[in-house]
PDB file of all heavy atoms in Angstrom:
ATOM      1  N   LEU A   1      11.381  10.916   0.678  1.00  0.00           N
ATOM      2  CA  LEU A   1      12.712  10.588   0.099  1.00  0.00           C
ATOM      3  C   LEU A   1      13.671   9.979   1.109  1.00  0.00           C
ATOM      4  O   LEU A   1      13.883  10.672   2.149  1.00  0.00           O
ATOM      5  CB  LEU A   1      13.243  11.891  -0.538  1.00  0.00           C
ATOM      6  CG  LEU A   1      14.678  11.846  -1.038  1.00  0.00           C
ATOM      7  CD1 LEU A   1      14.675  10.873  -2.192  1.00  0.00           C
ATOM      8  CD2 LEU A   1      15.090  13.231  -1.429  1.00  0.00           C
ATOM      9  N   VAL A   2      14.162   8.840   0.830  1.00  0.00           N
ATOM     10  CA  VAL A   2      15.161   8.182   1.777  1.00  0.00           C
ATOM     11  C   VAL A   2      16.273   7.607   0.981  1.00  0.00           C
ATOM     12  O   VAL A   2      16.270   7.504  -0.348  1.00  0.00           O
ATOM     13  CB  VAL A   2      14.518   7.109   2.639  1.00  0.00           C
ATOM     14  CG1 VAL A   2      13.406   7.559   3.468  1.00  0.00           C
ATOM     15  CG2 VAL A   2      13.951   5.999   1.675  1.00  0.00           C
ATOM     16  N   GLN A   3      17.276   7.215   1.634  1.00  0.00           N
ATOM     17  CA  GLN A   3      18.418   6.586   1.024  1.00  0.00           C
ATOM     18  C   GLN A   3      18.289   5.019   1.004  1.00  0.00           C
ATOM     19  O   GLN A   3      17.557   4.581   1.979  1.00  0.00           O
ATOM     20  CB  GLN A   3      19.699   7.035   1.706  1.00  0.00           C
ATOM     21  CG  GLN A   3      20.146   8.451   1.646  1.00  0.00           C
ATOM     22  CD  GLN A   3      21.408   8.783   2.070  1.00  0.00           C
ATOM     23  OE1 GLN A   3      21.900   8.183   3.121  1.00  0.00           O
ATOM     24  NE2 GLN A   3      22.270   9.736   1.464  1.00  0.00           N
ATOM     25  N   ALA A   4      18.952   4.463   0.087  1.00  0.00           N
ATOM     26  CA  ALA A   4      18.887   2.855   0.106  1.00  0.00           C
ATOM     27  C   ALA A   4      19.256   2.391   1.497  1.00  0.00           C
ATOM     28  O   ALA A   4      20.300   2.894   2.093  1.00  0.00           O
ATOM     29  CB  ALA A   4      19.874   2.412  -0.946  1.00  0.00           C
ATOM     30  N   GLY A   5      18.570   1.373   2.011  1.00  0.00           N
ATOM     31  CA  GLY A   5      18.803   0.770   3.198  1.00  0.00           C
ATOM     32  C   GLY A   5      17.997   1.255   4.352  1.00  0.00           C
ATOM     33  O   GLY A   5      17.927   0.645   5.383  1.00  0.00           O
ATOM     34  N   GLU A   6      17.399   2.453   4.125  1.00  0.00           N
ATOM     35  CA  GLU A   6      16.506   3.051   5.160  1.00  0.00           C
ATOM     36  C   GLU A   6      15.167   2.514   5.195  1.00  0.00           C
ATOM     37  O   GLU A   6      14.765   1.646   4.360  1.00  0.00           O
ATOM     38  CB  GLU A   6      16.521   4.525   4.928  1.00  0.00           C
ATOM     39  CG  GLU A   6      17.979   5.164   5.247  1.00  0.00           C
ATOM     40  CD  GLU A   6      17.991   6.649   5.292  1.00  0.00           C
ATOM     41  OE1 GLU A   6      17.001   7.268   4.550  1.00  0.00           O
ATOM     42  OE2 GLU A   6      18.903   7.264   5.825  1.00  0.00           O
ATOM     43  N   SER A   7      14.256   2.988   6.081  1.00  0.00           N
ATOM     44  CA  SER A   7      12.910   2.518   6.224  1.00  0.00           C
ATOM     45  C   SER A   7      11.935   3.608   6.107  1.00  0.00           C
ATOM     46  O   SER A   7      12.263   4.784   6.362  1.00  0.00           O
ATOM     47  CB  SER A   7      12.860   1.844   7.645  1.00  0.00           C
ATOM     48  OG  SER A   7      13.805   0.751   7.659  1.00  0.00           O
ATOM     49  N   LEU A   8      10.721   3.209   5.708  1.00  0.00           N
ATOM     50  CA  LEU A   8       9.519   4.101   5.805  1.00  0.00           C
ATOM     51  C   LEU A   8       8.365   3.223   6.311  1.00  0.00           C
ATOM     52  O   LEU A   8       8.296   2.040   6.070  1.00  0.00           O
ATOM     53  CB  LEU A   8       9.207   4.732   4.390  1.00  0.00           C
ATOM     54  CG  LEU A   8      10.109   5.858   4.008  1.00  0.00           C
ATOM     55  CD1 LEU A   8       9.698   6.229   2.481  1.00  0.00           C
ATOM     56  CD2 LEU A   8       9.817   7.091   4.778  1.00  0.00           C
ATOM     57  N   ARG A   9       7.414   3.906   6.859  1.00  0.00           N
ATOM     58  CA  ARG A   9       6.169   3.384   7.199  1.00  0.00           C
ATOM     59  C   ARG A   9       5.007   4.051   6.553  1.00  0.00           C
ATOM     60  O   ARG A   9       4.839   5.313   6.921  1.00  0.00           O
ATOM     61  CB  ARG A   9       5.859   3.330   8.770  1.00  0.00           C
ATOM     62  CG  ARG A   9       4.780   2.526   9.191  1.00  0.00           C
ATOM     63  CD  ARG A   9       4.513   2.779  10.585  1.00  0.00           C
ATOM     64  NE  ARG A   9       3.604   1.741  11.187  1.00  0.00           N
ATOM     65  CZ  ARG A   9       2.776   1.919  12.332  1.00  0.00           C
ATOM     66  NH1 ARG A   9       2.743   3.214  12.863  1.00  0.00           N
ATOM     67  NH2 ARG A   9       2.017   0.993  12.836  1.00  0.00           N
ATOM     68  N   LEU A  10       4.262   3.405   5.791  1.00  0.00           N
ATOM     69  CA  LEU A  10       3.148   4.037   5.150  1.00  0.00           C
ATOM     70  C   LEU A  10       1.879   3.714   5.832  1.00  0.00           C
ATOM     71  O   LEU A  10       1.810   2.578   6.463  1.00  0.00           O
ATOM     72  CB  LEU A  10       3.007   3.568   3.673  1.00  0.00           C
ATOM     73  CG  LEU A  10       4.229   3.702   2.766  1.00  0.00           C
ATOM     74  CD1 LEU A  10       3.821   3.146   1.398  1.00  0.00           C
ATOM     75  CD2 LEU A  10       4.666   5.061   2.748  1.00  0.00           C
ATOM     76  N   SER A  11       0.940   4.578   5.828  1.00  0.00           N
ATOM     77  CA  SER A  11      -0.320   4.324   6.506  1.00  0.00           C
ATOM     78  C   SER A  11      -1.462   4.706   5.423  1.00  0.00           C
ATOM     79  O   SER A  11      -1.269   5.520   4.572  1.00  0.00           O
ATOM     80  CB  SER A  11      -0.600   5.259   7.691  1.00  0.00           C
ATOM     81  OG  SER A  11       0.394   5.190   8.639  1.00  0.00           O
ATOM     82  N   CYS A  12      -2.499   4.014   5.608  1.00  0.00           N
ATOM     83  CA  CYS A  12      -3.677   4.209   4.723  1.00  0.00           C
ATOM     84  C   CYS A  12      -4.961   4.208   5.653  1.00  0.00           C
ATOM     85  O   CYS A  12      -5.363   3.162   6.334  1.00  0.00           O
ATOM     86  CB  CYS A  12      -3.945   3.164   3.783  1.00  0.00           C
ATOM     87  SG  CYS A  12      -5.412   3.180   2.870  1.00  0.00           S
ATOM     88  N   ALA A  13      -5.581   5.399   5.849  1.00  0.00           N
ATOM     89  CA  ALA A  13      -6.685   5.619   6.720  1.00  0.00           C
ATOM     90  C   ALA A  13      -7.972   5.420   5.826  1.00  0.00           C
ATOM     91  O   ALA A  13      -8.116   6.031   4.840  1.00  0.00           O
ATOM     92  CB  ALA A  13      -6.772   6.935   7.271  1.00  0.00           C
ATOM     93  N   ALA A  14      -8.913   4.473   6.216  1.00  0.00           N
ATOM     94  CA  ALA A  14     -10.040   4.138   5.507  1.00  0.00           C
ATOM     95  C   ALA A  14     -11.296   4.593   6.113  1.00  0.00           C
ATOM     96  O   ALA A  14     -11.412   4.693   7.479  1.00  0.00           O
ATOM     97  CB  ALA A  14     -10.094   2.658   5.288  1.00  0.00           C
ATOM     98  N   SER A  15     -12.317   4.964   5.269  1.00  0.00           N
ATOM     99  CA  SER A  15     -13.604   5.230   5.815  1.00  0.00           C
ATOM    100  C   SER A  15     -14.675   4.956   4.862  1.00  0.00           C
ATOM    101  O   SER A  15     -14.363   4.785   3.643  1.00  0.00           O
ATOM    102  CB  SER A  15     -13.670   6.859   6.260  1.00  0.00           C
ATOM    103  OG  SER A  15     -13.372   7.526   5.103  1.00  0.00           O
ATOM    104  N   GLY A  16     -15.897   4.936   5.314  1.00  0.00           N
ATOM    105  CA  GLY A  16     -17.069   4.766   4.356  1.00  0.00           C
ATOM    106  C   GLY A  16     -17.414   3.271   4.086  1.00  0.00           C
ATOM    107  O   GLY A  16     -18.264   2.967   3.199  1.00  0.00           O
ATOM    108  N   PHE A  17     -16.822   2.407   4.754  1.00  0.00           N
ATOM    109  CA  PHE A  17     -17.168   1.065   4.715  1.00  0.00           C
ATOM    110  C   PHE A  17     -16.759   0.298   6.034  1.00  0.00           C
ATOM    111  O   PHE A  17     -16.019   0.879   6.799  1.00  0.00           O
ATOM    112  CB  PHE A  17     -16.389   0.334   3.503  1.00  0.00           C
ATOM    113  CG  PHE A  17     -14.948   0.263   3.464  1.00  0.00           C
ATOM    114  CD1 PHE A  17     -14.244  -0.832   3.891  1.00  0.00           C
ATOM    115  CD2 PHE A  17     -14.283   1.433   3.107  1.00  0.00           C
ATOM    116  CE1 PHE A  17     -12.879  -0.834   3.807  1.00  0.00           C
ATOM    117  CE2 PHE A  17     -12.903   1.483   3.113  1.00  0.00           C
ATOM    118  CZ  PHE A  17     -12.276   0.307   3.542  1.00  0.00           C
ATOM    119  N   ILE A  18     -17.111  -1.039   6.223  1.00  0.00           N
ATOM    120  CA  ILE A  18     -16.815  -1.740   7.367  1.00  0.00           C
ATOM    121  C   ILE A  18     -15.426  -2.325   7.196  1.00  0.00           C
ATOM    122  O   ILE A  18     -15.162  -3.392   6.735  1.00  0.00           O
ATOM    123  CB  ILE A  18     -17.822  -2.833   7.739  1.00  0.00           C
ATOM    124  CG1 ILE A  18     -19.194  -2.231   7.759  1.00  0.00           C
ATOM    125  CG2 ILE A  18     -17.521  -3.487   8.929  1.00  0.00           C
ATOM    126  CD1 ILE A  18     -20.407  -3.264   7.841  1.00  0.00           C
ATOM    127  N   PHE A  19     -14.436  -1.444   7.678  1.00  0.00           N
ATOM    128  CA  PHE A  19     -13.068  -1.766   7.386  1.00  0.00           C
ATOM    129  C   PHE A  19     -12.639  -3.181   7.910  1.00  0.00           C
ATOM    130  O   PHE A  19     -11.835  -3.855   7.204  1.00  0.00           O
ATOM    131  CB  PHE A  19     -12.132  -0.741   8.093  1.00  0.00           C
ATOM    132  CG  PHE A  19     -10.688  -0.931   7.946  1.00  0.00           C
ATOM    133  CD1 PHE A  19     -10.027  -0.594   6.848  1.00  0.00           C
ATOM    134  CD2 PHE A  19     -10.002  -1.456   8.985  1.00  0.00           C
ATOM    135  CE1 PHE A  19      -8.606  -0.713   6.754  1.00  0.00           C
ATOM    136  CE2 PHE A  19      -8.647  -1.669   8.927  1.00  0.00           C
ATOM    137  CZ  PHE A  19      -7.969  -1.296   7.842  1.00  0.00           C
ATOM    138  N   GLY A  20     -13.071  -3.487   9.045  1.00  0.00           N
ATOM    139  CA  GLY A  20     -12.692  -4.747   9.664  1.00  0.00           C
ATOM    140  C   GLY A  20     -13.064  -5.954   9.067  1.00  0.00           C
ATOM    141  O   GLY A  20     -12.559  -7.041   9.240  1.00  0.00           O
ATOM    142  N   LEU A  21     -13.854  -5.892   7.930  1.00  0.00           N
ATOM    143  CA  LEU A  21     -14.405  -7.088   7.352  1.00  0.00           C
ATOM    144  C   LEU A  21     -13.700  -7.221   5.905  1.00  0.00           C
ATOM    145  O   LEU A  21     -13.878  -8.223   5.252  1.00  0.00           O
ATOM    146  CB  LEU A  21     -15.850  -6.944   6.988  1.00  0.00           C
ATOM    147  CG  LEU A  21     -16.783  -7.005   8.251  1.00  0.00           C
ATOM    148  CD1 LEU A  21     -18.297  -6.892   7.806  1.00  0.00           C
ATOM    149  CD2 LEU A  21     -16.561  -8.200   9.128  1.00  0.00           C
ATOM    150  N   LYS A  22     -12.927  -6.209   5.480  1.00  0.00           N
ATOM    151  CA  LYS A  22     -12.413  -6.284   4.097  1.00  0.00           C
ATOM    152  C   LYS A  22     -10.830  -6.580   4.003  1.00  0.00           C
ATOM    153  O   LYS A  22     -10.088  -6.125   4.870  1.00  0.00           O
ATOM    154  CB  LYS A  22     -12.561  -4.847   3.460  1.00  0.00           C
ATOM    155  CG  LYS A  22     -14.116  -4.379   3.497  1.00  0.00           C
ATOM    156  CD  LYS A  22     -14.924  -5.423   2.690  1.00  0.00           C
ATOM    157  CE  LYS A  22     -14.650  -5.553   1.166  1.00  0.00           C
ATOM    158  NZ  LYS A  22     -15.632  -6.512   0.594  1.00  0.00           N
ATOM    159  N   PHE A  23     -10.596  -7.317   3.021  1.00  0.00           N
ATOM    160  CA  PHE A  23      -9.192  -7.579   2.544  1.00  0.00           C
ATOM    161  C   PHE A  23      -8.701  -6.294   1.915  1.00  0.00           C
ATOM    162  O   PHE A  23      -9.263  -5.598   1.185  1.00  0.00           O
ATOM    163  CB  PHE A  23      -9.230  -8.682   1.490  1.00  0.00           C
ATOM    164  CG  PHE A  23      -7.926  -9.225   1.067  1.00  0.00           C
ATOM    165  CD1 PHE A  23      -7.337 -10.288   1.642  1.00  0.00           C
ATOM    166  CD2 PHE A  23      -7.248  -8.486  -0.004  1.00  0.00           C
ATOM    167  CE1 PHE A  23      -6.094 -10.708   1.338  1.00  0.00           C
ATOM    168  CE2 PHE A  23      -5.900  -8.967  -0.418  1.00  0.00           C
ATOM    169  CZ  PHE A  23      -5.338 -10.030   0.268  1.00  0.00           C
ATOM    170  N   MET A  24      -7.534  -5.774   2.438  1.00  0.00           N
ATOM    171  CA  MET A  24      -6.880  -4.639   1.978  1.00  0.00           C
ATOM    172  C   MET A  24      -5.636  -4.945   1.221  1.00  0.00           C
ATOM    173  O   MET A  24      -4.941  -5.992   1.504  1.00  0.00           O
ATOM    174  CB  MET A  24      -6.631  -3.737   3.191  1.00  0.00           C
ATOM    175  CG  MET A  24      -7.767  -3.346   3.994  1.00  0.00           C
ATOM    176  SD  MET A  24      -8.919  -2.309   3.025  1.00  0.00           S
ATOM    177  CE  MET A  24      -7.930  -0.929   2.634  1.00  0.00           C
ATOM    178  N   ARG A  25      -5.293  -4.151   0.272  1.00  0.00           N
ATOM    179  CA  ARG A  25      -4.079  -4.415  -0.576  1.00  0.00           C
ATOM    180  C   ARG A  25      -3.156  -3.032  -0.619  1.00  0.00           C
ATOM    181  O   ARG A  25      -3.827  -1.987  -0.606  1.00  0.00           O
ATOM    182  CB  ARG A  25      -4.339  -4.879  -1.991  1.00  0.00           C
ATOM    183  CG  ARG A  25      -5.208  -6.077  -2.077  1.00  0.00           C
ATOM    184  CD  ARG A  25      -5.648  -6.460  -3.458  1.00  0.00           C
ATOM    185  NE  ARG A  25      -6.271  -7.640  -3.674  1.00  0.00           N
ATOM    186  CZ  ARG A  25      -7.537  -7.836  -3.457  1.00  0.00           C
ATOM    187  NH1 ARG A  25      -8.409  -6.779  -3.017  1.00  0.00           N
ATOM    188  NH2 ARG A  25      -8.170  -9.022  -3.657  1.00  0.00           N
ATOM    189  N   TRP A  26      -2.023  -3.319  -0.725  1.00  0.00           N
ATOM    190  CA  TRP A  26      -1.069  -2.103  -1.198  1.00  0.00           C
ATOM    191  C   TRP A  26      -0.413  -2.456  -2.593  1.00  0.00           C
ATOM    192  O   TRP A  26      -0.092  -3.581  -2.932  1.00  0.00           O
ATOM    193  CB  TRP A  26       0.171  -2.041  -0.273  1.00  0.00           C
ATOM    194  CG  TRP A  26      -0.251  -1.497   1.045  1.00  0.00           C
ATOM    195  CD1 TRP A  26      -0.421  -2.072   2.288  1.00  0.00           C
ATOM    196  CD2 TRP A  26      -0.220  -0.078   1.405  1.00  0.00           C
ATOM    197  NE1 TRP A  26      -0.642  -1.212   3.235  1.00  0.00           N
ATOM    198  CE2 TRP A  26      -0.497   0.033   2.668  1.00  0.00           C
ATOM    199  CE3 TRP A  26      -0.096   1.091   0.575  1.00  0.00           C
ATOM    200  CZ2 TRP A  26      -0.608   1.287   3.297  1.00  0.00           C
ATOM    201  CZ3 TRP A  26      -0.129   2.339   1.151  1.00  0.00           C
ATOM    202  CH2 TRP A  26      -0.354   2.424   2.520  1.00  0.00           C
ATOM    203  N   TYR A  27      -0.599  -1.473  -3.521  1.00  0.00           N
ATOM    204  CA  TYR A  27       0.026  -1.501  -4.775  1.00  0.00           C
ATOM    205  C   TYR A  27       1.002  -0.382  -4.904  1.00  0.00           C
ATOM    206  O   TYR A  27       1.072   0.604  -4.137  1.00  0.00           O
ATOM    207  CB  TYR A  27      -1.122  -1.139  -5.876  1.00  0.00           C
ATOM    208  CG  TYR A  27      -2.065  -2.353  -6.089  1.00  0.00           C
ATOM    209  CD1 TYR A  27      -3.054  -2.648  -5.231  1.00  0.00           C
ATOM    210  CD2 TYR A  27      -1.918  -3.221  -7.292  1.00  0.00           C
ATOM    211  CE1 TYR A  27      -4.003  -3.677  -5.542  1.00  0.00           C
ATOM    212  CE2 TYR A  27      -2.748  -4.157  -7.512  1.00  0.00           C
ATOM    213  CZ  TYR A  27      -3.820  -4.411  -6.734  1.00  0.00           C
ATOM    214  OH  TYR A  27      -4.639  -5.489  -6.967  1.00  0.00           O
ATOM    215  N   ARG A  28       1.847  -0.537  -5.958  1.00  0.00           N
ATOM    216  CA  ARG A  28       2.725   0.593  -6.303  1.00  0.00           C
ATOM    217  C   ARG A  28       2.872   0.768  -7.828  1.00  0.00           C
ATOM    218  O   ARG A  28       2.610  -0.235  -8.609  1.00  0.00           O
ATOM    219  CB  ARG A  28       4.161   0.378  -5.746  1.00  0.00           C
ATOM    220  CG  ARG A  28       4.994  -0.777  -6.298  1.00  0.00           C
ATOM    221  CD  ARG A  28       6.276  -1.060  -5.465  1.00  0.00           C
ATOM    222  NE  ARG A  28       6.977  -2.137  -6.060  1.00  0.00           N
ATOM    223  CZ  ARG A  28       8.081  -2.490  -5.435  1.00  0.00           C
ATOM    224  NH1 ARG A  28       8.555  -2.041  -4.274  1.00  0.00           N
ATOM    225  NH2 ARG A  28       8.807  -3.560  -5.907  1.00  0.00           N
ATOM    226  N   GLN A  29       3.239   1.837  -8.303  1.00  0.00           N
ATOM    227  CA  GLN A  29       3.384   2.257  -9.668  1.00  0.00           C
ATOM    228  C   GLN A  29       4.614   3.158  -9.873  1.00  0.00           C
ATOM    229  O   GLN A  29       4.595   4.123  -9.415  1.00  0.00           O
ATOM    230  CB  GLN A  29       2.112   2.828 -10.218  1.00  0.00           C
ATOM    231  CG  GLN A  29       2.135   2.905 -11.777  1.00  0.00           C
ATOM    232  CD  GLN A  29       0.885   3.139 -12.368  1.00  0.00           C
ATOM    233  OE1 GLN A  29      -0.108   3.715 -11.665  1.00  0.00           O
ATOM    234  NE2 GLN A  29       0.652   2.946 -13.666  1.00  0.00           N
ATOM    235  N   ALA A  30       5.523   2.555 -10.551  1.00  0.00           N
ATOM    236  CA  ALA A  30       6.754   3.317 -10.981  1.00  0.00           C
ATOM    237  C   ALA A  30       6.480   3.979 -12.356  1.00  0.00           C
ATOM    238  O   ALA A  30       5.671   3.506 -13.137  1.00  0.00           O
ATOM    239  CB  ALA A  30       7.920   2.469 -11.043  1.00  0.00           C
ATOM    240  N   PRO A  31       7.147   5.084 -12.634  1.00  0.00           N
ATOM    241  CA  PRO A  31       6.957   5.746 -13.870  1.00  0.00           C
ATOM    242  C   PRO A  31       7.236   4.824 -14.997  1.00  0.00           C
ATOM    243  O   PRO A  31       8.234   3.998 -15.099  1.00  0.00           O
ATOM    244  CB  PRO A  31       8.065   6.919 -13.965  1.00  0.00           C
ATOM    245  CG  PRO A  31       8.250   7.100 -12.465  1.00  0.00           C
ATOM    246  CD  PRO A  31       8.135   5.817 -11.761  1.00  0.00           C
ATOM    247  N   GLY A  32       6.194   4.738 -15.996  1.00  0.00           N
ATOM    248  CA  GLY A  32       6.346   3.821 -17.178  1.00  0.00           C
ATOM    249  C   GLY A  32       6.015   2.452 -16.933  1.00  0.00           C
ATOM    250  O   GLY A  32       6.102   1.597 -17.874  1.00  0.00           O
ATOM    251  N   ASN A  33       5.637   2.128 -15.663  1.00  0.00           N
ATOM    252  CA  ASN A  33       5.272   0.683 -15.356  1.00  0.00           C
ATOM    253  C   ASN A  33       3.919   0.495 -15.043  1.00  0.00           C
ATOM    254  O   ASN A  33       3.139   1.598 -14.683  1.00  0.00           O
ATOM    255  CB  ASN A  33       6.090   0.225 -14.127  1.00  0.00           C
ATOM    256  CG  ASN A  33       7.601   0.098 -14.433  1.00  0.00           C
ATOM    257  OD1 ASN A  33       8.047   0.254 -15.718  1.00  0.00           O
ATOM    258  ND2 ASN A  33       8.373  -0.342 -13.513  1.00  0.00           N
ATOM    259  N   GLU A  34       3.423  -0.639 -15.106  1.00  0.00           N
ATOM    260  CA  GLU A  34       1.956  -0.905 -14.644  1.00  0.00           C
ATOM    261  C   GLU A  34       1.899  -0.952 -13.179  1.00  0.00           C
ATOM    262  O   GLU A  34       3.044  -1.125 -12.508  1.00  0.00           O
ATOM    263  CB  GLU A  34       1.534  -2.173 -15.222  1.00  0.00           C
ATOM    264  CG  GLU A  34       1.350  -2.255 -16.764  1.00  0.00           C
ATOM    265  CD  GLU A  34       0.758  -3.606 -17.280  1.00  0.00           C
ATOM    266  OE1 GLU A  34       0.385  -4.515 -16.453  1.00  0.00           O
ATOM    267  OE2 GLU A  34       0.505  -3.570 -18.462  1.00  0.00           O
ATOM    268  N   ARG A  35       0.744  -0.726 -12.606  1.00  0.00           N
ATOM    269  CA  ARG A  35       0.569  -0.793 -11.223  1.00  0.00           C
ATOM    270  C   ARG A  35       0.801  -2.238 -10.788  1.00  0.00           C
ATOM    271  O   ARG A  35       0.164  -3.134 -11.476  1.00  0.00           O
ATOM    272  CB  ARG A  35      -0.778  -0.302 -10.778  1.00  0.00           C
ATOM    273  CG  ARG A  35      -0.933   0.070  -9.323  1.00  0.00           C
ATOM    274  CD  ARG A  35      -2.284   0.821  -9.173  1.00  0.00           C
ATOM    275  NE  ARG A  35      -2.251   2.142  -9.724  1.00  0.00           N
ATOM    276  CZ  ARG A  35      -3.066   3.181  -9.521  1.00  0.00           C
ATOM    277  NH1 ARG A  35      -4.164   2.904  -8.585  1.00  0.00           N
ATOM    278  NH2 ARG A  35      -2.948   4.309 -10.045  1.00  0.00           N
ATOM    279  N   GLU A  36       1.432  -2.559  -9.674  1.00  0.00           N
ATOM    280  CA  GLU A  36       1.793  -3.858  -9.336  1.00  0.00           C
ATOM    281  C   GLU A  36       1.387  -4.058  -7.880  1.00  0.00           C
ATOM    282  O   GLU A  36       1.450  -3.182  -6.936  1.00  0.00           O
ATOM    283  CB  GLU A  36       3.228  -4.216  -9.434  1.00  0.00           C
ATOM    284  CG  GLU A  36       4.275  -3.480  -8.579  1.00  0.00           C
ATOM    285  CD  GLU A  36       5.564  -4.132  -8.569  1.00  0.00           C
ATOM    286  OE1 GLU A  36       5.735  -5.317  -8.692  1.00  0.00           O
ATOM    287  OE2 GLU A  36       6.479  -3.290  -8.345  1.00  0.00           O
ATOM    288  N   LEU A  37       0.875  -5.235  -7.579  1.00  0.00           N
ATOM    289  CA  LEU A  37       0.436  -5.604  -6.227  1.00  0.00           C
ATOM    290  C   LEU A  37       1.706  -5.910  -5.334  1.00  0.00           C
ATOM    291  O   LEU A  37       2.613  -6.670  -5.769  1.00  0.00           O
ATOM    292  CB  LEU A  37      -0.453  -6.886  -6.283  1.00  0.00           C
ATOM    293  CG  LEU A  37      -0.927  -7.425  -4.920  1.00  0.00           C
ATOM    294  CD1 LEU A  37      -1.821  -6.391  -4.207  1.00  0.00           C
ATOM    295  CD2 LEU A  37      -1.759  -8.702  -5.132  1.00  0.00           C
ATOM    296  N   VAL A  38       1.718  -5.256  -4.224  1.00  0.00           N
ATOM    297  CA  VAL A  38       2.896  -5.430  -3.373  1.00  0.00           C
ATOM    298  C   VAL A  38       2.570  -6.342  -2.113  1.00  0.00           C
ATOM    299  O   VAL A  38       3.227  -7.253  -1.797  1.00  0.00           O
ATOM    300  CB  VAL A  38       3.384  -4.088  -2.886  1.00  0.00           C
ATOM    301  CG1 VAL A  38       4.472  -4.100  -1.689  1.00  0.00           C
ATOM    302  CG2 VAL A  38       3.913  -3.212  -3.971  1.00  0.00           C
ATOM    303  N   ALA A  39       1.472  -6.103  -1.528  1.00  0.00           N
ATOM    304  CA  ALA A  39       1.044  -6.783  -0.334  1.00  0.00           C
ATOM    305  C   ALA A  39      -0.424  -6.819  -0.047  1.00  0.00           C
ATOM    306  O   ALA A  39      -1.167  -5.898  -0.582  1.00  0.00           O
ATOM    307  CB  ALA A  39       1.655  -6.185   0.952  1.00  0.00           C
ATOM    308  N   GLY A  40      -0.925  -7.786   0.550  1.00  0.00           N
ATOM    309  CA  GLY A  40      -2.306  -7.881   0.925  1.00  0.00           C
ATOM    310  C   GLY A  40      -2.500  -8.382   2.293  1.00  0.00           C
ATOM    311  O   GLY A  40      -1.594  -9.153   2.822  1.00  0.00           O
ATOM    312  N   ILE A  41      -3.643  -8.086   3.081  1.00  0.00           N
ATOM    313  CA  ILE A  41      -3.872  -8.480   4.377  1.00  0.00           C
ATOM    314  C   ILE A  41      -5.316  -8.773   4.574  1.00  0.00           C
ATOM    315  O   ILE A  41      -6.213  -7.904   4.192  1.00  0.00           O
ATOM    316  CB  ILE A  41      -3.317  -7.409   5.416  1.00  0.00           C
ATOM    317  CG1 ILE A  41      -3.465  -7.968   6.869  1.00  0.00           C
ATOM    318  CG2 ILE A  41      -4.009  -6.165   5.224  1.00  0.00           C
ATOM    319  CD1 ILE A  41      -2.727  -7.172   7.851  1.00  0.00           C
ATOM    320  N   THR A  42      -5.595  -9.948   4.982  1.00  0.00           N
ATOM    321  CA  THR A  42      -7.038 -10.247   5.268  1.00  0.00           C
ATOM    322  C   THR A  42      -7.556  -9.554   6.497  1.00  0.00           C
ATOM    323  O   THR A  42      -6.837  -8.902   7.157  1.00  0.00           O
ATOM    324  CB  THR A  42      -7.148 -11.773   5.577  1.00  0.00           C
ATOM    325  OG1 THR A  42      -6.505 -12.150   6.830  1.00  0.00           O
ATOM    326  CG2 THR A  42      -6.517 -12.582   4.540  1.00  0.00           C
TER     327      THR A  42
END
């Protein structure tokens, strides 16, 4: 929980596959909304 204008850093720890070869994505879903793509990284 933060106030408007502040920052956060999210992390996602992966296992079970060759992480360095895979395109990774971040999505988000707000209440009542569909899941939306936020960012991707090759």
